[in-house]
C-alpha atoms as a PDB file:
ATOM      1  CA  MET A   1      32.319 -19.798  29.108  1.00  0.00           C
ATOM      2  CA  GLU A   2      32.093 -16.336  30.600  1.00  0.00           C
ATOM      3  CA  LEU A   3      31.473 -13.193  28.618  1.00  0.00           C
ATOM      4  CA  ASN A   4      32.653 -10.742  31.301  1.00  0.00           C
ATOM      5  CA  TRP A   5      35.532  -9.380  29.238  1.00  0.00           C
ATOM      6  CA  MET A   6      33.167  -7.112  27.314  1.00  0.00           C
ATOM      7  CA  ALA A   7      30.073  -7.103  29.533  1.00  0.00           C
ATOM      8  CA  TRP A   8      28.181  -9.104  26.928  1.00  0.00           C
ATOM      9  CA  THR A   9      25.117 -11.134  27.641  1.00  0.00           C
ATOM     10  CA  TRP A  10      24.291 -14.422  25.989  1.00  0.00           C
ATOM     11  CA  PRO A  11      21.512 -12.896  23.841  1.00  0.00           C
ATOM     12  CA  THR A  12      23.973 -10.281  22.557  1.00  0.00           C
ATOM     13  CA  ALA A  13      26.562 -12.934  21.747  1.00  0.00           C
ATOM     14  CA  ILE A  14      23.952 -15.069  19.979  1.00  0.00           C
ATOM     15  CA  PHE A  15      22.772 -12.043  17.978  1.00  0.00           C
ATOM     16  CA  PHE A  16      26.283 -11.321  16.677  1.00  0.00           C
ATOM     17  CA  LEU A  17      26.890 -15.016  16.028  1.00  0.00           C
ATOM     18  CA  ILE A  18      23.747 -15.137  13.888  1.00  0.00           C
ATOM     19  CA  ILE A  19      24.820 -12.012  11.963  1.00  0.00           C
ATOM     20  CA  ALA A  20      28.284 -13.506  11.338  1.00  0.00           C
ATOM     21  CA  THR A  21      26.759 -16.832  10.258  1.00  0.00           C
ATOM     22  CA  THR A  22      24.384 -15.020   7.907  1.00  0.00           C
ATOM     23  CA  LEU A  23      27.289 -13.179   6.279  1.00  0.00           C
ATOM     24  CA  VAL A  24      29.221 -16.438   5.826  1.00  0.00           C
ATOM     25  CA  VAL A  25      26.183 -18.167   4.304  1.00  0.00           C
ATOM     26  CA  MET A  26      25.569 -15.232   1.960  1.00  0.00           C
ATOM     27  CA  THR A  27      29.235 -15.321   0.885  1.00  0.00           C
ATOM     28  CA  VAL A  28      29.089 -19.067   0.183  1.00  0.00           C
ATOM     29  CA  LEU A  29      25.853 -18.595  -1.785  1.00  0.00           C
ATOM     30  CA  ALA A  30      27.442 -15.777  -3.819  1.00  0.00           C
ATOM     31  CA  ILE A  31      30.397 -18.016  -4.680  1.00  0.00           C
ATOM     32  CA  LYS A  32      28.385 -21.158  -5.392  1.00  0.00           C
ATOM     33  CA  PHE A  33      25.476 -19.451  -7.161  1.00  0.00           C
ATOM     34  CA  PRO A  34      26.648 -16.178  -8.738  1.00  0.00           C
ATOM     35  CA  GLU A  35      24.242 -13.333  -8.228  1.00  0.00           C
ATOM     36  CA  ARG A  36      22.483 -11.304 -10.822  1.00  0.00           C
ATOM     37  CA  GLU A  37      20.544  -8.165 -10.181  1.00  0.00           C
ATOM     38  CA  ARG A  38      16.781  -8.204 -10.340  1.00  0.00           C
ATOM     39  CA  VAL A  39      14.229  -5.423 -10.263  1.00  0.00           C
ATOM     40  CA  GLY A  40      11.372  -5.789  -7.796  1.00  0.00           C
ATOM     41  CA  ILE A  41       8.613  -3.590  -6.431  1.00  0.00           C
ATOM     42  CA  LEU A  42      11.059  -0.809  -5.540  1.00  0.00           C
ATOM     43  CA  HIS A  43      12.032  -0.544  -9.226  1.00  0.00           C
ATOM     44  CA  ILE A  44      15.749  -0.596  -8.384  1.00  0.00           C
ATOM     45  CA  PRO A  45      18.163  -3.388  -9.252  1.00  0.00           C
ATOM     46  CA  THR A  46      19.081  -5.388  -6.126  1.00  0.00           C
ATOM     47  CA  THR A  47      21.258  -8.387  -5.338  1.00  0.00           C
ATOM     48  CA  ARG A  48      20.938 -10.821  -2.437  1.00  0.00           C
ATOM     49  CA  GLY A  49      23.360  -8.679  -0.452  1.00  0.00           C
ATOM     50  CA  ASP A  50      21.276  -5.560  -1.084  1.00  0.00           C
ATOM     51  CA  ARG A  51      18.143  -7.355   0.057  1.00  0.00           C
ATOM     52  CA  LEU A  52      19.948  -8.601   3.176  1.00  0.00           C
ATOM     53  CA  PHE A  53      21.007  -5.049   4.003  1.00  0.00           C
ATOM     54  CA  ILE A  54      17.456  -3.751   3.461  1.00  0.00           C
ATOM     55  CA  THR A  55      16.145  -6.555   5.678  1.00  0.00           C
ATOM     56  CA  LEU A  56      18.621  -5.896   8.515  1.00  0.00           C
ATOM     57  CA  LEU A  57      18.023  -2.160   8.419  1.00  0.00           C
ATOM     58  CA  GLY A  58      14.253  -2.547   8.326  1.00  0.00           C
ATOM     59  CA  SER A  59      14.316  -5.109  11.135  1.00  0.00           C
ATOM     60  CA  ALA A  60      16.311  -2.718  13.303  1.00  0.00           C
ATOM     61  CA  PHE A  61      13.689  -0.019  12.747  1.00  0.00           C
ATOM     62  CA  ILE A  62      10.872  -2.478  13.443  1.00  0.00           C
ATOM     63  CA  HIS A  63      12.463  -3.411  16.771  1.00  0.00           C
ATOM     64  CA  LEU A  64      13.192   0.197  17.735  1.00  0.00           C
ATOM     65  CA  GLY A  65       9.643   1.241  16.895  1.00  0.00           C
ATOM     66  CA  TRP A  66       8.310  -1.741  18.810  1.00  0.00           C
ATOM     67  CA  LEU A  67      10.276  -0.725  21.903  1.00  0.00           C
ATOM     68  CA  PHE A  68       9.153   2.887  21.613  1.00  0.00           C
ATOM     69  CA  PHE A  69       5.456   2.468  20.816  1.00  0.00           C
ATOM     70  CA  LEU A  70       4.404  -0.883  22.283  1.00  0.00           C
ATOM     71  CA  ASP A  71       4.611  -2.525  25.662  1.00  0.00           C
ATOM     72  CA  ILE A  72       4.355  -6.056  24.307  1.00  0.00           C
ATOM     73  CA  GLN A  73       7.084  -8.696  24.414  1.00  0.00           C
ATOM     74  CA  LEU A  74       9.844  -8.187  21.878  1.00  0.00           C
ATOM     75  CA  TRP A  75       9.419 -11.708  20.478  1.00  0.00           C
ATOM     76  CA  TRP A  76       6.471 -10.443  18.452  1.00  0.00           C
ATOM     77  CA  ALA A  77       8.753  -7.883  16.800  1.00  0.00           C
ATOM     78  CA  LEU A  78      10.940 -10.806  15.743  1.00  0.00           C
ATOM     79  CA  VAL A  79       7.903 -12.429  14.105  1.00  0.00           C
ATOM     80  CA  VAL A  80       7.095  -9.174  12.280  1.00  0.00           C
ATOM     81  CA  SER A  81      10.752  -8.867  11.201  1.00  0.00           C
ATOM     82  CA  ALA A  82      10.771 -12.442   9.878  1.00  0.00           C
ATOM     83  CA  ALA A  83       7.662 -11.697   7.803  1.00  0.00           C
ATOM     84  CA  TYR A  84       9.313  -8.476   6.600  1.00  0.00           C
ATOM     85  CA  ALA A  85      12.442 -10.445   5.614  1.00  0.00           C
ATOM     86  CA  PHE A  86      10.342 -12.918   3.630  1.00  0.00           C
ATOM     87  CA  ILE A  87       8.617 -10.066   1.804  1.00  0.00           C
ATOM     88  CA  VAL A  88      11.909  -8.295   1.019  1.00  0.00           C
ATOM     89  CA  PHE A  89      13.650 -11.406  -0.296  1.00  0.00           C
ATOM     90  CA  ARG A  90      10.606 -12.444  -2.299  1.00  0.00           C
ATOM     91  CA  TRP A  91       9.468  -9.196  -3.917  1.00  0.00           C
ATOM     92  CA  VAL A  92      12.160  -6.514  -3.610  1.00  0.00           C
END
């Protein structure tokens, strides 16, 4: 399958596929297990969707900062982002 119609690369397509899959999974979880707000270390009420948004936004900044400040492979930024996601979903 070629992705020439939009000048996409396979990593870009996989990235958007993962985002779409995450949104579907979060929707199914919200339907199957209704959400309730909880207050974490930020002292603001958040739902799973809020924590997902905080995670995605923070991960984008982690990757941008990684590209700007470091000359190390980007895979390590993914590891840092995964740890950040765990922290956000656990304690925020």
